[in-house]
């Protein structure tokens, strides 16, 4: 989170398809401005723009801006939940019951 205003960096760069990365708030803003107008009007991108502006003005953390951009980038990808191992918490026996 180095820098002020639009030069603030994200805690972790945002990876883009093709290997590029968004490192600063300005990088993210420039990326969004290059999107087609119809794409920019999508609700997820509108939210990303709002949190980017808030972060640049010092009214919000850069992490919120990163999350907003990541959600907009990945909005069409289905969420994949992995199978989780069941916990053994209910299977424990007390020493007296062994």
N, C-alpha and C. Protein backbone atom coordinates (compact mmCIF):
# COMPACT_ATOMS: atom_id res chain seq x y z
N UNK A 1 0.84 -1.17 0.00
CA UNK A 1 0.00 0.00 0.00
C UNK A 1 0.89 1.24 0.00
N UNK A 2 1.80 1.31 -0.92
CA UNK A 2 2.72 2.43 -1.03
C UNK A 2 2.13 3.47 -1.98
N UNK A 3 2.40 4.74 -1.70
CA UNK A 3 1.96 5.79 -2.59
C UNK A 3 0.71 6.48 -2.09
N UNK A 4 0.40 7.56 -2.77
CA UNK A 4 -0.80 8.34 -2.43
C UNK A 4 -1.68 8.44 -3.66
N UNK A 5 -2.95 8.63 -3.41
CA UNK A 5 -3.88 8.81 -4.52
C UNK A 5 -3.87 7.63 -5.48
N UNK A 6 -3.83 7.96 -6.75
CA UNK A 6 -3.92 6.91 -7.77
C UNK A 6 -2.65 6.09 -7.88
N UNK A 7 -1.55 6.54 -7.27
CA UNK A 7 -0.30 5.78 -7.33
C UNK A 7 -0.22 4.71 -6.24
N UNK A 8 -1.25 4.62 -5.38
CA UNK A 8 -1.26 3.57 -4.35
C UNK A 8 -1.22 2.20 -5.01
N UNK A 9 -0.44 1.32 -4.41
CA UNK A 9 -0.34 -0.03 -4.95
C UNK A 9 -1.28 -0.96 -4.21
N UNK A 10 -1.69 -2.01 -4.89
CA UNK A 10 -2.46 -3.07 -4.25
C UNK A 10 -1.51 -3.90 -3.39
N UNK A 11 -2.03 -4.52 -2.34
CA UNK A 11 -1.20 -5.39 -1.50
C UNK A 11 -0.65 -6.54 -2.34
N UNK A 12 -1.47 -7.08 -3.21
CA UNK A 12 -1.06 -8.12 -4.16
C UNK A 12 -1.52 -7.67 -5.53
N UNK A 13 -0.65 -7.74 -6.55
CA UNK A 13 -1.07 -7.35 -7.90
C UNK A 13 -2.24 -8.20 -8.38
N UNK A 14 -3.05 -7.62 -9.25
CA UNK A 14 -4.20 -8.33 -9.82
C UNK A 14 -3.76 -8.95 -11.15
N UNK A 15 -3.77 -10.29 -11.24
CA UNK A 15 -3.36 -10.92 -12.50
C UNK A 15 -4.45 -10.78 -13.56
N UNK A 16 -4.03 -10.51 -14.77
CA UNK A 16 -4.94 -10.41 -15.91
C UNK A 16 -4.69 -11.56 -16.87
N UNK A 17 -5.69 -11.91 -17.67
CA UNK A 17 -5.45 -12.91 -18.71
C UNK A 17 -4.33 -12.41 -19.63
N UNK A 18 -3.46 -13.29 -20.00
CA UNK A 18 -2.35 -12.91 -20.87
C UNK A 18 -1.08 -12.59 -20.10
N UNK A 19 -1.12 -12.69 -18.78
CA UNK A 19 0.10 -12.52 -17.99
C UNK A 19 0.35 -11.12 -17.45
N UNK A 20 -0.40 -10.11 -17.90
CA UNK A 20 -0.21 -8.76 -17.36
C UNK A 20 -0.76 -8.68 -15.94
N UNK A 21 -0.37 -7.62 -15.23
CA UNK A 21 -0.84 -7.42 -13.87
C UNK A 21 -1.22 -5.97 -13.65
N UNK A 22 -2.20 -5.75 -12.78
CA UNK A 22 -2.56 -4.41 -12.34
C UNK A 22 -1.89 -4.21 -10.98
N UNK A 23 -0.99 -3.25 -10.90
CA UNK A 23 -0.20 -3.05 -9.69
C UNK A 23 -0.71 -1.87 -8.87
N UNK A 24 -1.11 -0.80 -9.54
CA UNK A 24 -1.58 0.41 -8.84
C UNK A 24 -3.05 0.67 -9.13
N UNK A 25 -3.62 1.59 -8.35
CA UNK A 25 -5.01 1.99 -8.60
C UNK A 25 -5.12 2.60 -10.00
N UNK A 26 -4.10 3.34 -10.42
CA UNK A 26 -4.12 3.94 -11.75
C UNK A 26 -4.13 2.86 -12.83
N UNK A 27 -3.36 1.79 -12.64
CA UNK A 27 -3.37 0.69 -13.61
C UNK A 27 -4.78 0.13 -13.77
N UNK A 28 -5.47 -0.06 -12.64
CA UNK A 28 -6.83 -0.61 -12.67
C UNK A 28 -7.79 0.36 -13.35
N UNK A 29 -7.65 1.65 -13.04
CA UNK A 29 -8.53 2.65 -13.65
C UNK A 29 -8.32 2.71 -15.16
N UNK A 30 -7.07 2.67 -15.59
CA UNK A 30 -6.75 2.69 -17.02
C UNK A 30 -7.32 1.46 -17.72
N UNK A 31 -7.19 0.30 -17.07
CA UNK A 31 -7.72 -0.94 -17.62
C UNK A 31 -9.23 -0.84 -17.82
N UNK A 32 -9.93 -0.33 -16.81
CA UNK A 32 -11.39 -0.21 -16.89
C UNK A 32 -11.79 0.78 -17.98
N UNK A 33 -11.07 1.88 -18.10
CA UNK A 33 -11.40 2.89 -19.11
C UNK A 33 -11.20 2.37 -20.53
N UNK A 34 -10.37 1.36 -20.71
CA UNK A 34 -10.13 0.79 -22.03
C UNK A 34 -11.16 -0.28 -22.40
N UNK A 35 -11.98 -0.67 -21.44
CA UNK A 35 -13.03 -1.64 -21.72
C UNK A 35 -14.09 -1.00 -22.61
N UNK A 36 -14.83 -1.80 -23.39
CA UNK A 36 -15.95 -1.25 -24.16
C UNK A 36 -16.97 -0.61 -23.23
N UNK A 37 -17.62 0.44 -23.71
CA UNK A 37 -18.59 1.18 -22.89
C UNK A 37 -19.67 0.28 -22.30
N UNK A 38 -20.16 -0.67 -23.09
CA UNK A 38 -21.19 -1.58 -22.59
C UNK A 38 -20.66 -2.40 -21.42
N UNK A 39 -19.41 -2.79 -21.50
CA UNK A 39 -18.78 -3.57 -20.41
C UNK A 39 -18.62 -2.68 -19.17
N UNK A 40 -18.21 -1.45 -19.36
CA UNK A 40 -18.02 -0.53 -18.24
C UNK A 40 -19.31 -0.28 -17.47
N UNK A 41 -20.43 -0.39 -18.16
CA UNK A 41 -21.71 -0.12 -17.51
C UNK A 41 -22.24 -1.30 -16.69
N UNK A 42 -21.55 -2.44 -16.77
CA UNK A 42 -21.97 -3.61 -15.98
C UNK A 42 -21.88 -3.26 -14.50
N UNK A 43 -22.83 -3.76 -13.73
CA UNK A 43 -22.91 -3.44 -12.31
C UNK A 43 -21.62 -3.73 -11.56
N UNK A 44 -20.98 -4.84 -11.84
CA UNK A 44 -19.74 -5.21 -11.13
C UNK A 44 -18.62 -4.20 -11.41
N UNK A 45 -18.53 -3.72 -12.66
CA UNK A 45 -17.50 -2.73 -12.99
C UNK A 45 -17.84 -1.39 -12.35
N UNK A 46 -19.12 -1.06 -12.23
CA UNK A 46 -19.51 0.19 -11.57
C UNK A 46 -19.09 0.18 -10.10
N UNK A 47 -19.28 -0.95 -9.45
CA UNK A 47 -18.86 -1.09 -8.06
C UNK A 47 -17.34 -0.98 -7.96
N UNK A 48 -16.63 -1.62 -8.88
CA UNK A 48 -15.16 -1.56 -8.88
C UNK A 48 -14.68 -0.12 -9.02
N UNK A 49 -15.31 0.64 -9.89
CA UNK A 49 -14.93 2.05 -10.08
C UNK A 49 -15.15 2.84 -8.79
N UNK A 50 -16.28 2.62 -8.13
CA UNK A 50 -16.58 3.35 -6.90
C UNK A 50 -15.54 3.07 -5.82
N UNK A 51 -15.18 1.81 -5.63
CA UNK A 51 -14.21 1.50 -4.58
C UNK A 51 -12.80 1.94 -4.97
N UNK A 52 -12.50 1.96 -6.26
CA UNK A 52 -11.21 2.50 -6.71
C UNK A 52 -11.11 3.99 -6.37
N UNK A 53 -12.17 4.73 -6.66
CA UNK A 53 -12.17 6.17 -6.37
C UNK A 53 -12.06 6.40 -4.87
N UNK A 54 -12.80 5.63 -4.08
CA UNK A 54 -12.73 5.77 -2.63
C UNK A 54 -11.30 5.50 -2.12
N UNK A 55 -10.66 4.47 -2.65
CA UNK A 55 -9.29 4.15 -2.22
C UNK A 55 -8.32 5.26 -2.64
N UNK A 56 -8.48 5.80 -3.85
CA UNK A 56 -7.60 6.86 -4.33
C UNK A 56 -7.77 8.13 -3.51
N UNK A 57 -8.98 8.37 -3.02
CA UNK A 57 -9.24 9.56 -2.21
C UNK A 57 -8.92 9.33 -0.74
N UNK A 58 -8.47 8.14 -0.38
CA UNK A 58 -8.13 7.84 1.00
C UNK A 58 -9.32 7.55 1.88
N UNK A 59 -10.48 7.26 1.26
CA UNK A 59 -11.70 6.98 2.02
C UNK A 59 -11.98 5.50 2.14
N UNK A 60 -11.05 4.68 1.70
CA UNK A 60 -11.24 3.24 1.78
C UNK A 60 -9.93 2.53 1.52
N UNK A 61 -9.83 1.28 1.97
CA UNK A 61 -8.60 0.54 1.78
C UNK A 61 -8.43 0.05 0.35
N UNK A 62 -7.17 -0.10 -0.05
CA UNK A 62 -6.90 -0.60 -1.40
C UNK A 62 -7.36 -2.05 -1.56
N UNK A 63 -7.49 -2.77 -0.44
CA UNK A 63 -7.96 -4.16 -0.51
C UNK A 63 -9.39 -4.22 -1.03
N UNK A 64 -10.23 -3.26 -0.64
CA UNK A 64 -11.61 -3.24 -1.15
C UNK A 64 -11.60 -3.00 -2.66
N UNK A 65 -10.72 -2.12 -3.12
CA UNK A 65 -10.61 -1.86 -4.55
C UNK A 65 -10.15 -3.12 -5.28
N UNK A 66 -9.20 -3.83 -4.70
CA UNK A 66 -8.71 -5.07 -5.32
C UNK A 66 -9.83 -6.10 -5.42
N UNK A 67 -10.59 -6.24 -4.35
CA UNK A 67 -11.70 -7.20 -4.34
C UNK A 67 -12.74 -6.81 -5.39
N UNK A 68 -13.06 -5.52 -5.48
CA UNK A 68 -14.03 -5.07 -6.47
C UNK A 68 -13.60 -5.39 -7.89
N UNK A 69 -12.33 -5.14 -8.21
CA UNK A 69 -11.82 -5.42 -9.55
C UNK A 69 -11.79 -6.92 -9.81
N UNK A 70 -11.37 -7.70 -8.81
CA UNK A 70 -11.32 -9.16 -8.98
C UNK A 70 -12.72 -9.74 -9.21
N UNK A 71 -13.71 -9.23 -8.48
CA UNK A 71 -15.07 -9.72 -8.67
C UNK A 71 -15.60 -9.37 -10.06
N UNK A 72 -15.26 -8.19 -10.55
CA UNK A 72 -15.70 -7.79 -11.88
C UNK A 72 -15.01 -8.63 -12.95
N UNK A 73 -13.72 -8.89 -12.77
CA UNK A 73 -12.99 -9.70 -13.73
C UNK A 73 -13.51 -11.13 -13.80
N UNK A 74 -13.91 -11.67 -12.65
CA UNK A 74 -14.29 -13.08 -12.56
C UNK A 74 -15.80 -13.30 -12.47
N UNK A 75 -16.59 -12.31 -12.84
CA UNK A 75 -18.04 -12.41 -12.66
C UNK A 75 -18.69 -13.51 -13.47
N UNK A 76 -18.11 -13.88 -14.60
CA UNK A 76 -18.70 -14.92 -15.45
C UNK A 76 -18.19 -16.32 -15.14
N UNK A 77 -17.22 -16.41 -14.25
CA UNK A 77 -16.66 -17.72 -13.91
C UNK A 77 -17.47 -18.33 -12.78
N UNK A 78 -17.88 -19.58 -12.93
CA UNK A 78 -18.64 -20.21 -11.84
C UNK A 78 -17.76 -20.45 -10.62
N UNK A 79 -18.36 -20.33 -9.47
CA UNK A 79 -17.62 -20.63 -8.24
C UNK A 79 -17.46 -22.13 -8.13
N UNK A 80 -16.26 -22.56 -7.83
CA UNK A 80 -15.97 -23.97 -7.70
C UNK A 80 -15.63 -24.24 -6.24
N UNK A 81 -16.47 -25.03 -5.62
CA UNK A 81 -16.24 -25.40 -4.23
C UNK A 81 -15.63 -26.78 -4.20
N UNK A 82 -14.59 -26.92 -3.42
CA UNK A 82 -13.91 -28.21 -3.33
C UNK A 82 -14.57 -29.07 -2.27
N UNK A 83 -14.42 -30.38 -2.41
CA UNK A 83 -14.92 -31.30 -1.39
C UNK A 83 -14.07 -31.12 -0.14
N UNK A 84 -14.74 -31.03 0.97
CA UNK A 84 -14.01 -30.87 2.21
C UNK A 84 -14.10 -32.14 3.03
N UNK A 85 -13.04 -32.41 3.74
CA UNK A 85 -13.00 -33.57 4.61
C UNK A 85 -13.88 -33.29 5.83
N UNK A 86 -14.68 -34.28 6.21
CA UNK A 86 -15.51 -34.12 7.39
C UNK A 86 -14.64 -34.02 8.63
N UNK A 87 -15.08 -33.20 9.56
CA UNK A 87 -14.34 -33.04 10.80
C UNK A 87 -14.63 -34.21 11.73
N UNK A 88 -13.68 -34.50 12.57
CA UNK A 88 -13.81 -35.61 13.52
C UNK A 88 -14.30 -35.14 14.88
N UNK A 89 -14.69 -33.88 14.99
CA UNK A 89 -15.01 -33.31 16.29
C UNK A 89 -16.07 -34.11 17.05
N UNK A 90 -17.05 -34.64 16.38
CA UNK A 90 -18.11 -35.36 17.07
C UNK A 90 -17.74 -36.78 17.44
N UNK A 91 -16.59 -37.27 17.01
CA UNK A 91 -16.21 -38.65 17.21
C UNK A 91 -15.25 -38.86 18.38
N UNK A 92 -14.89 -37.83 19.07
CA UNK A 92 -13.93 -37.97 20.17
C UNK A 92 -14.59 -38.63 21.36
N UNK A 93 -13.80 -39.42 22.03
CA UNK A 93 -14.26 -40.11 23.24
C UNK A 93 -13.48 -39.56 24.43
N UNK A 94 -14.14 -39.43 25.53
CA UNK A 94 -13.46 -39.04 26.74
C UNK A 94 -12.65 -40.21 27.27
N UNK A 95 -11.61 -39.92 28.01
CA UNK A 95 -10.74 -40.97 28.55
C UNK A 95 -11.54 -41.95 29.40
N UNK A 96 -12.51 -41.46 30.14
CA UNK A 96 -13.28 -42.35 30.99
C UNK A 96 -14.18 -43.30 30.22
N UNK A 97 -14.51 -42.96 28.95
CA UNK A 97 -15.40 -43.78 28.14
C UNK A 97 -14.65 -44.79 27.28
N UNK A 98 -13.35 -44.83 27.35
CA UNK A 98 -12.57 -45.76 26.50
C UNK A 98 -12.51 -47.12 27.09
